Protein backbone atom coordinates (compact mmCIF):
# COMPACT_ATOMS: atom_id res chain seq x y z
CA MET A 1 42.39 -18.86 59.20
CA SER A 2 38.99 -18.27 60.75
CA HIS A 3 38.58 -15.61 63.39
CA TYR A 4 35.91 -16.62 65.86
CA ARG A 5 34.01 -13.78 67.49
CA ARG A 6 32.82 -14.52 70.96
CA LEU A 7 30.48 -12.56 73.18
CA ASP A 8 32.06 -10.29 75.78
CA SER A 9 29.53 -10.29 78.62
CA LYS A 10 30.98 -9.61 82.05
CA GLY A 11 29.59 -11.77 84.85
CA ALA A 12 27.73 -14.03 82.44
CA THR A 13 26.90 -17.69 82.88
CA TRP A 14 28.18 -20.01 80.16
CA PHE A 15 27.57 -23.59 79.04
CA PHE A 16 30.60 -25.35 77.50
CA THR A 17 31.29 -28.60 75.69
CA VAL A 18 34.94 -29.65 75.43
CA VAL A 19 35.87 -32.77 73.44
CA THR A 20 39.00 -34.91 73.30
CA TYR A 21 40.92 -35.20 70.04
CA GLN A 22 39.24 -37.78 67.78
CA ARG A 23 36.89 -38.51 70.69
CA ARG A 24 39.48 -40.65 72.44
CA GLU A 25 38.06 -42.04 75.69
CA PHE A 26 40.36 -41.23 78.60
CA LEU A 27 38.82 -38.38 80.60
CA CYS A 28 37.46 -40.72 83.29
CA ASP A 29 40.86 -42.34 83.91
CA ASP A 30 42.08 -41.64 87.45
CA GLU A 31 45.25 -39.79 86.35
CA VAL A 32 43.36 -37.57 83.93
CA ARG A 33 40.58 -36.80 86.41
CA ALA A 34 43.21 -35.80 88.97
CA ALA A 35 44.96 -33.60 86.39
CA LEU A 36 41.66 -31.99 85.41
CA ARG A 37 40.77 -31.35 89.05
CA GLY A 38 44.22 -29.82 89.63
CA ALA A 39 43.87 -27.67 86.52
CA ILE A 40 40.51 -26.35 87.66
CA LEU A 41 41.76 -25.56 91.17
CA LYS A 42 44.89 -23.84 89.86
CA THR A 43 42.94 -21.80 87.30
CA ARG A 44 40.22 -20.79 89.78
CA ALA A 45 42.85 -19.66 92.30
CA ARG A 46 44.19 -17.14 89.79
CA TYR A 47 41.06 -16.42 87.74
CA PRO A 48 37.98 -17.12 89.87
CA PHE A 49 34.72 -18.46 88.49
CA ASN A 50 31.80 -20.38 89.92
CA ILE A 51 31.14 -23.91 88.73
CA ASP A 52 27.37 -24.32 88.51
CA ALA A 53 27.49 -27.81 86.95
CA TRP A 54 30.01 -30.26 85.54
CA VAL A 55 29.50 -33.58 83.75
CA LEU A 56 32.54 -35.65 82.88
CA LEU A 57 32.23 -38.37 80.23
CA PRO A 58 35.00 -40.54 78.74
CA ASP A 59 35.51 -38.40 75.61
CA HIS A 60 34.11 -34.97 76.53
CA PHE A 61 32.77 -32.83 79.31
CA HIS A 62 30.00 -30.30 79.74
CA CYS A 63 30.11 -27.55 82.32
CA ILE A 64 28.32 -24.38 83.33
CA TRP A 65 30.33 -21.51 84.79
CA THR A 66 29.43 -18.09 86.09
CA LEU A 67 32.17 -15.50 85.80
CA PRO A 68 32.79 -12.62 88.22
CA GLU A 69 30.78 -9.47 87.58
CA ASP A 70 33.81 -7.60 86.23
CA ASP A 71 35.18 -10.37 84.01
CA SER A 72 34.25 -11.93 80.67
CA ASN A 73 37.38 -13.92 79.82
CA PHE A 74 36.18 -17.53 79.82
CA GLN A 75 38.55 -18.29 76.91
CA LEU A 76 41.62 -17.74 79.12
CA ARG A 77 40.26 -20.02 81.82
CA MET A 78 39.43 -22.82 79.40
CA ARG A 79 42.81 -22.48 77.69
CA LEU A 80 44.63 -22.74 81.04
CA ILE A 81 42.63 -25.80 82.10
CA LYS A 82 43.24 -27.61 78.81
CA ARG A 83 46.92 -26.63 78.82
CA HIS A 84 47.48 -27.85 82.39
CA VAL A 85 45.92 -31.23 81.60
CA THR A 86 48.00 -31.46 78.42
CA LEU A 87 51.25 -30.69 80.25
CA THR A 88 50.42 -33.09 83.07
CA CYS A 89 49.20 -35.99 80.93
CA SER A 90 50.90 -35.71 77.55
CA GLU A 91 53.63 -38.21 78.49
CA PHE A 92 51.05 -41.02 78.46
CA LEU A 93 48.25 -39.51 76.33
CA HIS A 94 49.98 -37.82 73.40
CA ASP A 95 50.00 -40.14 70.37
CA ASP A 96 52.24 -38.89 67.59
CA LYS A 97 50.66 -41.38 65.16
CA LEU A 98 47.48 -39.27 65.37
CA ASN A 99 49.28 -36.01 64.69
CA THR A 100 48.67 -34.11 61.47
CA PRO A 101 50.86 -31.55 59.69
CA SER A 102 48.49 -28.80 60.86
CA ARG A 103 48.71 -29.92 64.50
CA ARG A 104 52.49 -30.20 64.27
CA LYS A 105 52.73 -26.71 62.78
CA ARG A 106 50.65 -25.32 65.66
CA LYS A 107 52.58 -27.45 68.21
CA GLU A 108 49.33 -29.04 69.35
CA SER A 109 49.04 -32.26 71.24
CA THR A 110 46.64 -35.09 70.45
CA ILE A 111 44.67 -34.68 73.66
CA TRP A 112 42.01 -32.02 72.94
CA GLN A 113 40.05 -30.87 69.96
CA ARG A 114 41.32 -27.45 68.92
CA ARG A 115 38.24 -25.50 69.93
CA PHE A 116 35.32 -25.84 72.29
CA TRP A 117 31.66 -24.96 72.06
CA GLU A 118 30.14 -22.31 74.30
CA HIS A 119 26.70 -20.85 74.80
CA GLN A 120 25.82 -17.88 76.99
CA ILE A 121 22.95 -18.73 79.30
CA GLN A 122 20.18 -16.20 78.68
CA ASP A 123 17.69 -16.77 81.51
CA ASP A 124 16.49 -19.27 84.12
CA GLU A 125 14.74 -21.42 81.53
CA ASP A 126 17.90 -21.59 79.45
CA PHE A 127 19.87 -22.54 82.58
CA ARG A 128 17.48 -25.41 83.31
């Protein structure tokens, strides 16, 4: 199994892309948007971060976050958000026909791609 090394920069600003499993188009559905909003609020209450930008599309979203000065754990926040949406929506979004042996072994749903893409914002130009 691959071990992904991620930067550990406290207080950094990050750009993320998170994609649904097999690019299924459901993120703009009312129930899913409400679950995503709830997941963000719940996660931010426990692990604060600033949302600098967010774009929601049917099969993925992009966002820019700035973490607190003493914190670098964006992975935990993203995991909690994805997990909350999965738990809230899996009754009507999980599709066992799309499951693979690997996903079953890992007890993964068919809602999100396994990983997400991140990029640490380096300067004002990069932010723009």
